[in-house]
């Protein structure tokens, strides 16, 4: 929260990645937006969802790199592919 409220603290944190960055280089802007999947009733899906379709497997709403790289998710998709595609 402190970095969000203090430009000085924010720039200092950014300088760990970009040492030559200066406060004059940073300007206020809007917040980022992340796509969010919805269920059939319009409710937000908080976690990933795996959906099978004809000759397809879709991983929907994987919100983080950890979720997209999860061994457990990969195993589930592999098992679905074996069953669905006769692998």
C-alpha atoms as a PDB file:
ATOM      1  CA  UNK A   1       0.000   0.000   0.000  1.00  0.00           C
ATOM      2  CA  UNK A   2       2.834   2.374   0.866  1.00  0.00           C
ATOM      3  CA  UNK A   3       4.353   2.124  -2.627  1.00  0.00           C
ATOM      4  CA  UNK A   4       0.954   2.868  -4.153  1.00  0.00           C
ATOM      5  CA  UNK A   5       0.583   6.029  -2.099  1.00  0.00           C
ATOM      6  CA  UNK A   6       4.184   7.248  -2.326  1.00  0.00           C
ATOM      7  CA  UNK A   7       5.707   8.002  -5.710  1.00  0.00           C
ATOM      8  CA  UNK A   8       9.135   8.136  -4.083  1.00  0.00           C
ATOM      9  CA  UNK A   9       8.740   4.622  -2.633  1.00  0.00           C
ATOM     10  CA  UNK A  10       7.318   3.352  -5.914  1.00  0.00           C
ATOM     11  CA  UNK A  11      10.252   4.696  -7.944  1.00  0.00           C
ATOM     12  CA  UNK A  12      12.721   3.298  -5.416  1.00  0.00           C
ATOM     13  CA  UNK A  13      11.153  -0.168  -5.813  1.00  0.00           C
ATOM     14  CA  UNK A  14      11.227   0.123  -9.602  1.00  0.00           C
ATOM     15  CA  UNK A  15      14.898   1.073  -9.517  1.00  0.00           C
ATOM     16  CA  UNK A  16      15.680  -2.471  -8.338  1.00  0.00           C
ATOM     17  CA  UNK A  17      14.718  -3.516 -11.885  1.00  0.00           C
ATOM     18  CA  UNK A  18      15.660  -0.360 -13.810  1.00  0.00           C
ATOM     19  CA  UNK A  19      18.459   1.415 -11.907  1.00  0.00           C
ATOM     20  CA  UNK A  20      18.543   4.481 -14.194  1.00  0.00           C
ATOM     21  CA  UNK A  21      14.844   5.228 -13.688  1.00  0.00           C
ATOM     22  CA  UNK A  22      14.106   8.646 -12.159  1.00  0.00           C
ATOM     23  CA  UNK A  23      10.957  10.086 -10.602  1.00  0.00           C
ATOM     24  CA  UNK A  24      10.554  12.393 -13.614  1.00  0.00           C
ATOM     25  CA  UNK A  25      10.213   9.271 -15.800  1.00  0.00           C
ATOM     26  CA  UNK A  26       7.138   8.068 -13.893  1.00  0.00           C
ATOM     27  CA  UNK A  27       3.724   9.633 -14.514  1.00  0.00           C
ATOM     28  CA  UNK A  28       0.283   8.908 -13.011  1.00  0.00           C
ATOM     29  CA  UNK A  29      -1.957   6.680 -15.091  1.00  0.00           C
ATOM     30  CA  UNK A  30      -4.926   4.352 -14.790  1.00  0.00           C
ATOM     31  CA  UNK A  31      -4.817   0.944 -13.173  1.00  0.00           C
ATOM     32  CA  UNK A  32      -4.193  -2.160 -15.244  1.00  0.00           C
ATOM     33  CA  UNK A  33      -7.041  -4.422 -16.207  1.00  0.00           C
ATOM     34  CA  UNK A  34      -6.999  -8.211 -16.277  1.00  0.00           C
ATOM     35  CA  UNK A  35      -9.528 -10.232 -18.223  1.00  0.00           C
ATOM     36  CA  UNK A  36     -11.845 -12.148 -15.931  1.00  0.00           C
ATOM     37  CA  UNK A  37     -13.932 -15.149 -16.963  1.00  0.00           C
ATOM     38  CA  UNK A  38     -17.612 -15.326 -16.048  1.00  0.00           C
ATOM     39  CA  UNK A  39     -19.898 -18.301 -15.554  1.00  0.00           C
ATOM     40  CA  UNK A  40     -23.159 -18.752 -17.489  1.00  0.00           C
ATOM     41  CA  UNK A  41     -25.026 -16.558 -14.948  1.00  0.00           C
ATOM     42  CA  UNK A  42     -22.492 -13.733 -15.103  1.00  0.00           C
ATOM     43  CA  UNK A  43     -20.699 -14.569 -11.851  1.00  0.00           C
ATOM     44  CA  UNK A  44     -16.927 -14.208 -11.647  1.00  0.00           C
ATOM     45  CA  UNK A  45     -14.825 -17.381 -11.872  1.00  0.00           C
ATOM     46  CA  UNK A  46     -12.191 -17.091  -9.159  1.00  0.00           C
ATOM     47  CA  UNK A  47     -10.063 -19.992 -10.347  1.00  0.00           C
ATOM     48  CA  UNK A  48      -9.141 -21.690 -13.593  1.00  0.00           C
ATOM     49  CA  UNK A  49     -11.661 -23.856 -15.391  1.00  0.00           C
ATOM     50  CA  UNK A  50     -10.950 -26.704 -17.814  1.00  0.00           C
ATOM     51  CA  UNK A  51     -13.553 -27.194 -20.536  1.00  0.00           C
ATOM     52  CA  UNK A  52     -13.659 -29.990 -23.107  1.00  0.00           C
ATOM     53  CA  UNK A  53     -15.143 -29.466 -26.547  1.00  0.00           C
ATOM     54  CA  UNK A  54     -15.029 -31.504 -29.752  1.00  0.00           C
ATOM     55  CA  UNK A  55     -11.313 -32.352 -30.241  1.00  0.00           C
ATOM     56  CA  UNK A  56     -10.320 -29.478 -27.921  1.00  0.00           C
ATOM     57  CA  UNK A  57      -9.371 -28.840 -24.298  1.00  0.00           C
ATOM     58  CA  UNK A  58      -9.507 -25.245 -23.090  1.00  0.00           C
ATOM     59  CA  UNK A  59      -7.901 -23.905 -19.914  1.00  0.00           C
ATOM     60  CA  UNK A  60      -9.908 -20.811 -18.975  1.00  0.00           C
ATOM     61  CA  UNK A  61      -9.195 -18.063 -16.484  1.00  0.00           C
ATOM     62  CA  UNK A  62      -5.707 -19.221 -15.413  1.00  0.00           C
ATOM     63  CA  UNK A  63      -4.967 -16.123 -13.298  1.00  0.00           C
ATOM     64  CA  UNK A  64      -1.266 -16.501 -12.601  1.00  0.00           C
ATOM     65  CA  UNK A  65       1.925 -18.012 -13.967  1.00  0.00           C
ATOM     66  CA  UNK A  66       1.875 -20.469 -11.062  1.00  0.00           C
ATOM     67  CA  UNK A  67      -1.547 -21.741 -12.134  1.00  0.00           C
ATOM     68  CA  UNK A  68      -0.593 -22.021 -15.794  1.00  0.00           C
ATOM     69  CA  UNK A  69       2.585 -23.936 -14.911  1.00  0.00           C
ATOM     70  CA  UNK A  70       1.025 -26.230 -12.310  1.00  0.00           C
ATOM     71  CA  UNK A  71       2.037 -29.888 -12.572  1.00  0.00           C
ATOM     72  CA  UNK A  72      -1.382 -30.936 -11.270  1.00  0.00           C
ATOM     73  CA  UNK A  73      -3.182 -28.967 -13.990  1.00  0.00           C
ATOM     74  CA  UNK A  74      -0.849 -30.468 -16.598  1.00  0.00           C
ATOM     75  CA  UNK A  75      -1.572 -33.988 -15.358  1.00  0.00           C
ATOM     76  CA  UNK A  76      -5.316 -33.371 -15.491  1.00  0.00           C
ATOM     77  CA  UNK A  77      -5.096 -32.029 -19.046  1.00  0.00           C
ATOM     78  CA  UNK A  78      -2.869 -34.946 -20.126  1.00  0.00           C
ATOM     79  CA  UNK A  79      -5.370 -37.458 -18.689  1.00  0.00           C
ATOM     80  CA  UNK A  80      -8.242 -35.658 -20.434  1.00  0.00           C
ATOM     81  CA  UNK A  81      -6.301 -35.702 -23.717  1.00  0.00           C
ATOM     82  CA  UNK A  82      -5.547 -39.421 -23.378  1.00  0.00           C
ATOM     83  CA  UNK A  83      -9.217 -40.165 -22.776  1.00  0.00           C
ATOM     84  CA  UNK A  84     -10.644 -37.748 -25.342  1.00  0.00           C
ATOM     85  CA  UNK A  85      -8.112 -38.175 -28.152  1.00  0.00           C
ATOM     86  CA  UNK A  86      -7.195 -41.825 -27.662  1.00  0.00           C
ATOM     87  CA  UNK A  87      -3.545 -41.025 -26.954  1.00  0.00           C
END
